[in-house]
Amino acid sequence: MSIENPENDKKINPAEIETQKEEEIWESFKNTESKENIKNIFESILEKLVMEDYKYYLEETEFGVAVKRTDNNETIYFTDVEAEIETLYEAVAKGRVD
């Protein structure tokens, strides 16, 4: 399975995502208007990280914030992007993450 990058039509193999930094992954998608595409990419990252026993914590603020931390409380992902937060909430509702 691969994921389309709408900016340059490059296919991204989810197995390669772990070698990229979050900023690099999201930089190529920040200009897209395709909310569904962003959610699909985020879900593949979420699934991979959950399988590796990382934990996501949802922290609500005025704008909405999602933080992913390791068990030793190290922040390794932080977002206030609506599509990403929505995907996390859906995953939590389905019991996929803490």
PDB file of N, CA and C in Angstrom:
ATOM      1  N   MET A   1       0.841  -1.181   0.000  1.00  0.00           N
ATOM      2  CA  MET A   1       0.000   0.000   0.000  1.00  0.00           C
ATOM      3  C   MET A   1       0.884   1.242   0.000  1.00  0.00           C
ATOM      4  N   SER A   2       0.547   2.205  -0.794  1.00  0.00           N
ATOM      5  CA  SER A   2       1.283   3.457  -0.796  1.00  0.00           C
ATOM      6  C   SER A   2       0.301   4.603  -0.673  1.00  0.00           C
ATOM      7  N   ILE A   3       0.824   5.747  -0.321  1.00  0.00           N
ATOM      8  CA  ILE A   3       0.001   6.926  -0.083  1.00  0.00           C
ATOM      9  C   ILE A   3       0.425   7.992  -1.079  1.00  0.00           C
ATOM     10  N   GLU A   4      -0.534   8.671  -1.677  1.00  0.00           N
ATOM     11  CA  GLU A   4      -0.214   9.684  -2.673  1.00  0.00           C
ATOM     12  C   GLU A   4       0.126  11.014  -2.015  1.00  0.00           C
ATOM     13  N   ASN A   5       1.135  11.645  -2.547  1.00  0.00           N
ATOM     14  CA  ASN A   5       1.488  13.000  -2.150  1.00  0.00           C
ATOM     15  C   ASN A   5       0.933  13.918  -3.224  1.00  0.00           C
ATOM     16  N   PRO A   6      -0.079  14.729  -2.911  1.00  0.00           N
ATOM     17  CA  PRO A   6      -0.728  15.547  -3.936  1.00  0.00           C
ATOM     18  C   PRO A   6       0.163  16.637  -4.515  1.00  0.00           C
ATOM     19  N   GLU A   7       1.249  16.985  -3.830  1.00  0.00           N
ATOM     20  CA  GLU A   7       2.104  18.056  -4.314  1.00  0.00           C
ATOM     21  C   GLU A   7       2.932  17.633  -5.512  1.00  0.00           C
ATOM     22  N   ASN A   8       3.442  16.412  -5.492  1.00  0.00           N
ATOM     23  CA  ASN A   8       4.300  15.986  -6.594  1.00  0.00           C
ATOM     24  C   ASN A   8       3.986  14.577  -7.072  1.00  0.00           C
ATOM     25  N   ASP A   9       2.857  14.051  -6.690  1.00  0.00           N
ATOM     26  CA  ASP A   9       2.402  12.723  -7.105  1.00  0.00           C
ATOM     27  C   ASP A   9       3.371  11.610  -6.728  1.00  0.00           C
ATOM     28  N   LYS A  10       4.259  11.861  -5.791  1.00  0.00           N
ATOM     29  CA  LYS A  10       5.180  10.830  -5.329  1.00  0.00           C
ATOM     30  C   LYS A  10       4.428   9.879  -4.409  1.00  0.00           C
ATOM     31  N   LYS A  11       4.686   8.580  -4.554  1.00  0.00           N
ATOM     32  CA  LYS A  11       4.083   7.587  -3.675  1.00  0.00           C
ATOM     33  C   LYS A  11       4.981   7.408  -2.451  1.00  0.00           C
ATOM     34  N   ILE A  12       4.359   7.329  -1.295  1.00  0.00           N
ATOM     35  CA  ILE A  12       5.096   7.127  -0.051  1.00  0.00           C
ATOM     36  C   ILE A  12       4.745   5.752   0.490  1.00  0.00           C
ATOM     37  N   ASN A  13       5.754   4.956   0.723  1.00  0.00           N
ATOM     38  CA  ASN A  13       5.558   3.646   1.323  1.00  0.00           C
ATOM     39  C   ASN A  13       5.514   3.842   2.838  1.00  0.00           C
ATOM     40  N   PRO A  14       4.410   3.431   3.496  1.00  0.00           N
ATOM     41  CA  PRO A  14       4.326   3.625   4.955  1.00  0.00           C
ATOM     42  C   PRO A  14       5.504   3.036   5.719  1.00  0.00           C
ATOM     43  N   ALA A  15       6.132   1.991   5.185  1.00  0.00           N
ATOM     44  CA  ALA A  15       7.277   1.386   5.860  1.00  0.00           C
ATOM     45  C   ALA A  15       8.466   2.345   5.910  1.00  0.00           C
ATOM     46  N   GLU A  16       8.494   3.311   4.995  1.00  0.00           N
ATOM     47  CA  GLU A  16       9.588   4.274   4.968  1.00  0.00           C
ATOM     48  C   GLU A  16       9.365   5.440   5.920  1.00  0.00           C
ATOM     49  N   ILE A  17       8.166   5.584   6.431  1.00  0.00           N
ATOM     50  CA  ILE A  17       7.834   6.742   7.258  1.00  0.00           C
ATOM     51  C   ILE A  17       8.680   6.795   8.519  1.00  0.00           C
ATOM     52  N   GLU A  18       8.998   5.639   9.094  1.00  0.00           N
ATOM     53  CA  GLU A  18       9.732   5.637  10.354  1.00  0.00           C
ATOM     54  C   GLU A  18      11.113   6.264  10.219  1.00  0.00           C
ATOM     55  N   THR A  19      11.648   6.344   9.007  1.00  0.00           N
ATOM     56  CA  THR A  19      12.969   6.928   8.831  1.00  0.00           C
ATOM     57  C   THR A  19      12.909   8.433   8.624  1.00  0.00           C
ATOM     58  N   GLN A  20      11.707   8.985   8.563  1.00  0.00           N
ATOM     59  CA  GLN A  20      11.541  10.415   8.347  1.00  0.00           C
ATOM     60  C   GLN A  20      11.116  11.102   9.639  1.00  0.00           C
ATOM     61  N   LYS A  21      11.521  12.342   9.785  1.00  0.00           N
ATOM     62  CA  LYS A  21      11.064  13.136  10.915  1.00  0.00           C
ATOM     63  C   LYS A  21       9.655  13.622  10.628  1.00  0.00           C
ATOM     64  N   GLU A  22       8.878  13.846  11.683  1.00  0.00           N
ATOM     65  CA  GLU A  22       7.504  14.300  11.511  1.00  0.00           C
ATOM     66  C   GLU A  22       7.430  15.573  10.676  1.00  0.00           C
ATOM     67  N   GLU A  23       8.379  16.503  10.898  1.00  0.00           N
ATOM     68  CA  GLU A  23       8.345  17.762  10.158  1.00  0.00           C
ATOM     69  C   GLU A  23       8.506  17.516   8.669  1.00  0.00           C
ATOM     70  N   GLU A  24       9.381  16.554   8.302  1.00  0.00           N
ATOM     71  CA  GLU A  24       9.599  16.248   6.895  1.00  0.00           C
ATOM     72  C   GLU A  24       8.354  15.646   6.270  1.00  0.00           C
ATOM     73  N   ILE A  25       7.691  14.779   7.002  1.00  0.00           N
ATOM     74  CA  ILE A  25       6.477  14.147   6.489  1.00  0.00           C
ATOM     75  C   ILE A  25       5.410  15.191   6.240  1.00  0.00           C
ATOM     76  N   TRP A  26       5.151  16.032   7.241  1.00  0.00           N
ATOM     77  CA  TRP A  26       4.039  16.973   7.138  1.00  0.00           C
ATOM     78  C   TRP A  26       4.359  18.179   6.273  1.00  0.00           C
ATOM     79  N   GLU A  27       5.637  18.511   6.121  1.00  0.00           N
ATOM     80  CA  GLU A  27       6.003  19.647   5.273  1.00  0.00           C
ATOM     81  C   GLU A  27       5.473  19.461   3.860  1.00  0.00           C
ATOM     82  N   SER A  28       5.551  18.239   3.331  1.00  0.00           N
ATOM     83  CA  SER A  28       5.126  17.992   1.956  1.00  0.00           C
ATOM     84  C   SER A  28       3.615  17.963   1.799  1.00  0.00           C
ATOM     85  N   PHE A  29       2.892  17.937   2.889  1.00  0.00           N
ATOM     86  CA  PHE A  29       1.436  17.853   2.801  1.00  0.00           C
ATOM     87  C   PHE A  29       0.730  19.110   3.295  1.00  0.00           C
ATOM     88  N   LYS A  30       1.463  20.080   3.811  1.00  0.00           N
ATOM     89  CA  LYS A  30       0.810  21.206   4.470  1.00  0.00           C
ATOM     90  C   LYS A  30       0.006  22.091   3.519  1.00  0.00           C
ATOM     91  N   ASN A  31       0.325  22.073   2.243  1.00  0.00           N
ATOM     92  CA  ASN A  31      -0.389  22.928   1.301  1.00  0.00           C
ATOM     93  C   ASN A  31      -1.582  22.246   0.646  1.00  0.00           C
ATOM     94  N   THR A  32      -1.815  21.002   0.954  1.00  0.00           N
ATOM     95  CA  THR A  32      -2.908  20.285   0.307  1.00  0.00           C
ATOM     96  C   THR A  32      -4.253  20.722   0.871  1.00  0.00           C
ATOM     97  N   GLU A  33      -5.252  20.686   0.035  1.00  0.00           N
ATOM     98  CA  GLU A  33      -6.614  20.955   0.492  1.00  0.00           C
ATOM     99  C   GLU A  33      -7.362  19.653   0.738  1.00  0.00           C
ATOM    100  N   SER A  34      -6.679  18.531   0.562  1.00  0.00           N
ATOM    101  CA  SER A  34      -7.317  17.233   0.710  1.00  0.00           C
ATOM    102  C   SER A  34      -7.240  16.759   2.156  1.00  0.00           C
ATOM    103  N   LYS A  35      -8.279  17.061   2.927  1.00  0.00           N
ATOM    104  CA  LYS A  35      -8.331  16.637   4.323  1.00  0.00           C
ATOM    105  C   LYS A  35      -8.284  15.113   4.415  1.00  0.00           C
ATOM    106  N   GLU A  36      -8.955  14.430   3.504  1.00  0.00           N
ATOM    107  CA  GLU A  36      -8.987  12.963   3.527  1.00  0.00           C
ATOM    108  C   GLU A  36      -7.590  12.386   3.328  1.00  0.00           C
ATOM    109  N   ASN A  37      -6.814  12.965   2.444  1.00  0.00           N
ATOM    110  CA  ASN A  37      -5.457  12.494   2.207  1.00  0.00           C
ATOM    111  C   ASN A  37      -4.601  12.666   3.456  1.00  0.00           C
ATOM    112  N   ILE A  38      -4.711  13.813   4.103  1.00  0.00           N
ATOM    113  CA  ILE A  38      -3.964  14.052   5.338  1.00  0.00           C
ATOM    114  C   ILE A  38      -4.357  13.022   6.391  1.00  0.00           C
ATOM    115  N   LYS A  39      -5.653  12.756   6.516  1.00  0.00           N
ATOM    116  CA  LYS A  39      -6.110  11.784   7.515  1.00  0.00           C
ATOM    117  C   LYS A  39      -5.573  10.394   7.203  1.00  0.00           C
ATOM    118  N   ASN A  40      -5.545  10.012   5.932  1.00  0.00           N
ATOM    119  CA  ASN A  40      -5.035   8.689   5.560  1.00  0.00           C
ATOM    120  C   ASN A  40      -3.569   8.545   5.930  1.00  0.00           C
ATOM    121  N   ILE A  41      -2.795   9.573   5.669  1.00  0.00           N
ATOM    122  CA  ILE A  41      -1.373   9.535   6.012  1.00  0.00           C
ATOM    123  C   ILE A  41      -1.204   9.461   7.523  1.00  0.00           C
ATOM    124  N   PHE A  42      -1.943  10.304   8.235  1.00  0.00           N
ATOM    125  CA  PHE A  42      -1.827  10.331   9.682  1.00  0.00           C
ATOM    126  C   PHE A  42      -2.231   8.993  10.287  1.00  0.00           C
ATOM    127  N   GLU A  43      -3.291   8.367   9.742  1.00  0.00           N
ATOM    128  CA  GLU A  43      -3.724   7.072  10.257  1.00  0.00           C
ATOM    129  C   GLU A  43      -2.647   6.019  10.056  1.00  0.00           C
ATOM    130  N   SER A  44      -1.937   6.054   8.936  1.00  0.00           N
ATOM    131  CA  SER A  44      -0.884   5.062   8.717  1.00  0.00           C
ATOM    132  C   SER A  44       0.257   5.275   9.700  1.00  0.00           C
ATOM    133  N   ILE A  45       0.577   6.540   9.987  1.00  0.00           N
ATOM    134  CA  ILE A  45       1.615   6.833  10.976  1.00  0.00           C
ATOM    135  C   ILE A  45       1.144   6.407  12.361  1.00  0.00           C
ATOM    136  N   LEU A  46      -0.100   6.745  12.684  1.00  0.00           N
ATOM    137  CA  LEU A  46      -0.677   6.388  13.979  1.00  0.00           C
ATOM    138  C   LEU A  46      -0.637   4.880  14.190  1.00  0.00           C
ATOM    139  N   GLU A  47      -1.065   4.128  13.173  1.00  0.00           N
ATOM    140  CA  GLU A  47      -1.090   2.673  13.297  1.00  0.00           C
ATOM    141  C   GLU A  47       0.311   2.131  13.520  1.00  0.00           C
ATOM    142  N   LYS A  48       1.281   2.633  12.784  1.00  0.00           N
ATOM    143  CA  LYS A  48       2.656   2.170  12.930  1.00  0.00           C
ATOM    144  C   LYS A  48       3.177   2.467  14.337  1.00  0.00           C
ATOM    145  N   LEU A  49       2.947   3.668  14.827  1.00  0.00           N
ATOM    146  CA  LEU A  49       3.469   4.043  16.136  1.00  0.00           C
ATOM    147  C   LEU A  49       2.776   3.296  17.260  1.00  0.00           C
ATOM    148  N   VAL A  50       1.463   3.078  17.136  1.00  0.00           N
ATOM    149  CA  VAL A  50       0.748   2.319  18.158  1.00  0.00           C
ATOM    150  C   VAL A  50       1.290   0.892  18.209  1.00  0.00           C
ATOM    151  N   MET A  51       1.582   0.328  17.044  1.00  0.00           N
ATOM    152  CA  MET A  51       2.130  -1.024  17.002  1.00  0.00           C
ATOM    153  C   MET A  51       3.485  -1.083  17.695  1.00  0.00           C
ATOM    154  N   GLU A  52       4.199   0.031  17.724  1.00  0.00           N
ATOM    155  CA  GLU A  52       5.504   0.080  18.374  1.00  0.00           C
ATOM    156  C   GLU A  52       5.389   0.509  19.837  1.00  0.00           C
ATOM    157  N   ASP A  53       4.188   0.439  20.374  1.00  0.00           N
ATOM    158  CA  ASP A  53       3.938   0.688  21.794  1.00  0.00           C
ATOM    159  C   ASP A  53       4.163   2.128  22.244  1.00  0.00           C
ATOM    160  N   TYR A  54       4.083   3.081  21.335  1.00  0.00           N
ATOM    161  CA  TYR A  54       4.068   4.475  21.757  1.00  0.00           C
ATOM    162  C   TYR A  54       2.662   4.816  22.217  1.00  0.00           C
ATOM    163  N   LYS A  55       2.533   5.859  22.997  1.00  0.00           N
ATOM    164  CA  LYS A  55       1.229   6.254  23.526  1.00  0.00           C
ATOM    165  C   LYS A  55       0.888   7.666  23.065  1.00  0.00           C
ATOM    166  N   TYR A  56      -0.364   7.833  22.676  1.00  0.00           N
ATOM    167  CA  TYR A  56      -0.861   9.168  22.340  1.00  0.00           C
ATOM    168  C   TYR A  56      -1.694   9.685  23.502  1.00  0.00           C
ATOM    169  N   TYR A  57      -1.534  10.943  23.810  1.00  0.00           N
ATOM    170  CA  TYR A  57      -2.356  11.590  24.817  1.00  0.00           C
ATOM    171  C   TYR A  57      -3.008  12.794  24.160  1.00  0.00           C
ATOM    172  N   LEU A  58      -4.282  12.962  24.379  1.00  0.00           N
ATOM    173  CA  LEU A  58      -4.986  14.097  23.804  1.00  0.00           C
ATOM    174  C   LEU A  58      -5.145  15.162  24.871  1.00  0.00           C
ATOM    175  N   GLU A  59      -4.689  16.353  24.576  1.00  0.00           N
ATOM    176  CA  GLU A  59      -4.773  17.451  25.522  1.00  0.00           C
ATOM    177  C   GLU A  59      -5.599  18.550  24.877  1.00  0.00           C
ATOM    178  N   GLU A  60      -6.709  18.883  25.477  1.00  0.00           N
ATOM    179  CA  GLU A  60      -7.572  19.904  24.899  1.00  0.00           C
ATOM    180  C   GLU A  60      -7.187  21.284  25.399  1.00  0.00           C
ATOM    181  N   THR A  61      -7.107  22.209  24.483  1.00  0.00           N
ATOM    182  CA  THR A  61      -6.926  23.618  24.811  1.00  0.00           C
ATOM    183  C   THR A  61      -7.973  24.381  24.016  1.00  0.00           C
ATOM    184  N   GLU A  62      -7.859  25.682  24.016  1.00  0.00           N
ATOM    185  CA  GLU A  62      -8.802  26.499  23.254  1.00  0.00           C
ATOM    186  C   GLU A  62      -8.802  26.102  21.776  1.00  0.00           C
ATOM    187  N   PHE A  63      -7.620  25.723  21.259  1.00  0.00           N
ATOM    188  CA  PHE A  63      -7.500  25.393  19.847  1.00  0.00           C
ATOM    189  C   PHE A  63      -7.525  23.893  19.591  1.00  0.00           C
ATOM    190  N   GLY A  64      -7.296  23.096  20.617  1.00  0.00           N
ATOM    191  CA  GLY A  64      -7.212  21.652  20.447  1.00  0.00           C
ATOM    192  C   GLY A  64      -5.772  21.252  20.179  1.00  0.00           C
ATOM    193  N   VAL A  65      -5.248  20.381  20.989  1.00  0.00           N
ATOM    194  CA  VAL A  65      -3.864  19.955  20.851  1.00  0.00           C
ATOM    195  C   VAL A  65      -3.785  18.456  21.063  1.00  0.00           C
ATOM    196  N   ALA A  66      -2.996  17.791  20.247  1.00  0.00           N
ATOM    197  CA  ALA A  66      -2.733  16.368  20.441  1.00  0.00           C
ATOM    198  C   ALA A  66      -1.229  16.194  20.637  1.00  0.00           C
ATOM    199  N   VAL A  67      -0.858  15.441  21.646  1.00  0.00           N
ATOM    200  CA  VAL A  67       0.545  15.216  21.952  1.00  0.00           C
ATOM    201  C   VAL A  67       0.779  13.719  22.002  1.00  0.00           C
ATOM    202  N   LYS A  68       1.833  13.261  21.371  1.00  0.00           N
ATOM    203  CA  LYS A  68       2.195  11.852  21.478  1.00  0.00           C
ATOM    204  C   LYS A  68       3.462  11.770  22.308  1.00  0.00           C
ATOM    205  N   ARG A  69       3.457  10.924  23.311  1.00  0.00           N
ATOM    206  CA  ARG A  69       4.611  10.790  24.184  1.00  0.00           C
ATOM    207  C   ARG A  69       5.007   9.321  24.292  1.00  0.00           C
ATOM    208  N   THR A  70       6.277   9.085  24.572  1.00  0.00           N
ATOM    209  CA  THR A  70       6.711   7.737  24.881  1.00  0.00           C
ATOM    210  C   THR A  70       6.340   7.456  26.328  1.00  0.00           C
ATOM    211  N   ASP A  71       6.554   6.237  26.771  1.00  0.00           N
ATOM    212  CA  ASP A  71       6.216   5.885  28.147  1.00  0.00           C
ATOM    213  C   ASP A  71       7.038   6.675  29.161  1.00  0.00           C
ATOM    214  N   ASN A  72       8.221   7.152  28.753  1.00  0.00           N
ATOM    215  CA  ASN A  72       9.016   7.954  29.684  1.00  0.00           C
ATOM    216  C   ASN A  72       8.689   9.439  29.563  1.00  0.00           C
ATOM    217  N   ASN A  73       7.530   9.735  28.959  1.00  0.00           N
ATOM    218  CA  ASN A  73       6.960  11.082  28.890  1.00  0.00           C
ATOM    219  C   ASN A  73       7.732  12.033  27.973  1.00  0.00           C
ATOM    220  N   GLU A  74       8.531  11.497  27.069  1.00  0.00           N
ATOM    221  CA  GLU A  74       9.238  12.319  26.096  1.00  0.00           C
ATOM    222  C   GLU A  74       8.278  12.678  24.963  1.00  0.00           C
ATOM    223  N   THR A  75       8.120  13.953  24.690  1.00  0.00           N
ATOM    224  CA  THR A  75       7.236  14.371  23.603  1.00  0.00           C
ATOM    225  C   THR A  75       7.922  14.115  22.273  1.00  0.00           C
ATOM    226  N   ILE A  76       7.291  13.305  21.435  1.00  0.00           N
ATOM    227  CA  ILE A  76       7.878  13.040  20.129  1.00  0.00           C
ATOM    228  C   ILE A  76       6.957  13.447  18.992  1.00  0.00           C
ATOM    229  N   TYR A  77       5.788  13.936  19.319  1.00  0.00           N
ATOM    230  CA  TYR A  77       4.898  14.469  18.279  1.00  0.00           C
ATOM    231  C   TYR A  77       3.947  15.457  18.917  1.00  0.00           C
ATOM    232  N   PHE A  78       3.742  16.565  18.253  1.00  0.00           N
ATOM    233  CA  PHE A  78       2.840  17.592  18.767  1.00  0.00           C
ATOM    234  C   PHE A  78       2.115  18.188  17.577  1.00  0.00           C
ATOM    235  N   THR A  79       0.817  18.327  17.669  1.00  0.00           N
ATOM    236  CA  THR A  79       0.079  18.917  16.551  1.00  0.00           C
ATOM    237  C   THR A  79      -1.103  19.734  17.042  1.00  0.00           C
ATOM    238  N   ASP A  80      -1.441  20.751  16.265  1.00  0.00           N
ATOM    239  CA  ASP A  80      -2.702  21.449  16.472  1.00  0.00           C
ATOM    240  C   ASP A  80      -3.476  21.499  15.152  1.00  0.00           C
ATOM    241  N   VAL A  81      -3.109  20.605  14.213  1.00  0.00           N
ATOM    242  CA  VAL A  81      -3.792  20.523  12.920  1.00  0.00           C
ATOM    243  C   VAL A  81      -5.114  19.776  13.099  1.00  0.00           C
ATOM    244  N   GLU A  82      -6.191  20.411  12.686  1.00  0.00           N
ATOM    245  CA  GLU A  82      -7.532  19.879  12.941  1.00  0.00           C
ATOM    246  C   GLU A  82      -7.719  18.451  12.426  1.00  0.00           C
ATOM    247  N   ALA A  83      -7.270  18.164  11.212  1.00  0.00           N
ATOM    248  CA  ALA A  83      -7.469  16.826  10.642  1.00  0.00           C
ATOM    249  C   ALA A  83      -6.730  15.765  11.445  1.00  0.00           C
ATOM    250  N   GLU A  84      -5.543  16.100  11.933  1.00  0.00           N
ATOM    251  CA  GLU A  84      -4.764  15.150  12.721  1.00  0.00           C
ATOM    252  C   GLU A  84      -5.429  14.890  14.069  1.00  0.00           C
ATOM    253  N   ILE A  85      -5.889  15.946  14.717  1.00  0.00           N
ATOM    254  CA  ILE A  85      -6.557  15.804  16.009  1.00  0.00           C
ATOM    255  C   ILE A  85      -7.838  14.991  15.852  1.00  0.00           C
ATOM    256  N   GLU A  86      -8.595  15.288  14.807  1.00  0.00           N
ATOM    257  CA  GLU A  86      -9.834  14.555  14.555  1.00  0.00           C
ATOM    258  C   GLU A  86      -9.553  13.065  14.369  1.00  0.00           C
ATOM    259  N   THR A  87      -8.487  12.739  13.647  1.00  0.00           N
ATOM    260  CA  THR A  87      -8.116  11.343  13.442  1.00  0.00           C
ATOM    261  C   THR A  87      -7.752  10.676  14.760  1.00  0.00           C
ATOM    262  N   LEU A  88      -7.027  11.387  15.614  1.00  0.00           N
ATOM    263  CA  LEU A  88      -6.682  10.837  16.923  1.00  0.00           C
ATOM    264  C   LEU A  88      -7.926  10.574  17.758  1.00  0.00           C
ATOM    265  N   TYR A  89      -8.844  11.528  17.778  1.00  0.00           N
ATOM    266  CA  TYR A  89     -10.071  11.336  18.550  1.00  0.00           C
ATOM    267  C   TYR A  89     -10.854  10.125  18.046  1.00  0.00           C
ATOM    268  N   GLU A  90     -10.923   9.964  16.725  1.00  0.00           N
ATOM    269  CA  GLU A  90     -11.629   8.810  16.159  1.00  0.00           C
ATOM    270  C   GLU A  90     -10.946   7.509  16.563  1.00  0.00           C
ATOM    271  N   ALA A  91      -9.606   7.506  16.539  1.00  0.00           N
ATOM    272  CA  ALA A  91      -8.864   6.309  16.914  1.00  0.00           C
ATOM    273  C   ALA A  91      -9.076   5.967  18.384  1.00  0.00           C
ATOM    274  N   VAL A  92      -9.078   6.981  19.227  1.00  0.00           N
ATOM    275  CA  VAL A  92      -9.320   6.757  20.654  1.00  0.00           C
ATOM    276  C   VAL A  92     -10.725   6.213  20.865  1.00  0.00           C
ATOM    277  N   ALA A  93     -11.692   6.767  20.154  1.00  0.00           N
ATOM    278  CA  ALA A  93     -13.080   6.307  20.283  1.00  0.00           C
ATOM    279  C   ALA A  93     -13.217   4.843  19.881  1.00  0.00           C
ATOM    280  N   LYS A  94     -12.393   4.410  18.942  1.00  0.00           N
ATOM    281  CA  LYS A  94     -12.436   3.017  18.487  1.00  0.00           C
ATOM    282  C   LYS A  94     -11.570   2.116  19.363  1.00  0.00           C
ATOM    283  N   GLY A  95     -10.929   2.694  20.374  1.00  0.00           N
ATOM    284  CA  GLY A  95     -10.116   1.893  21.291  1.00  0.00           C
ATOM    285  C   GLY A  95      -8.764   1.511  20.741  1.00  0.00           C
ATOM    286  N   ARG A  96      -8.298   2.240  19.727  1.00  0.00           N
ATOM    287  CA  ARG A  96      -7.014   1.892  19.128  1.00  0.00           C
ATOM    288  C   ARG A  96      -5.834   2.417  19.923  1.00  0.00           C
ATOM    289  N   VAL A  97      -6.027   3.515  20.643  1.00  0.00           N
ATOM    290  CA  VAL A  97      -4.932   4.088  21.420  1.00  0.00           C
ATOM    291  C   VAL A  97      -5.443   4.538  22.775  1.00  0.00           C
ATOM    292  N   ASP A  98      -4.505   4.800  23.692  1.00  0.00           N
ATOM    293  CA  ASP A  98      -4.865   5.301  25.018  1.00  0.00           C
ATOM    294  C   ASP A  98      -5.278   6.745  24.944  1.00  0.00           C
TER     295      ASP A  98
END
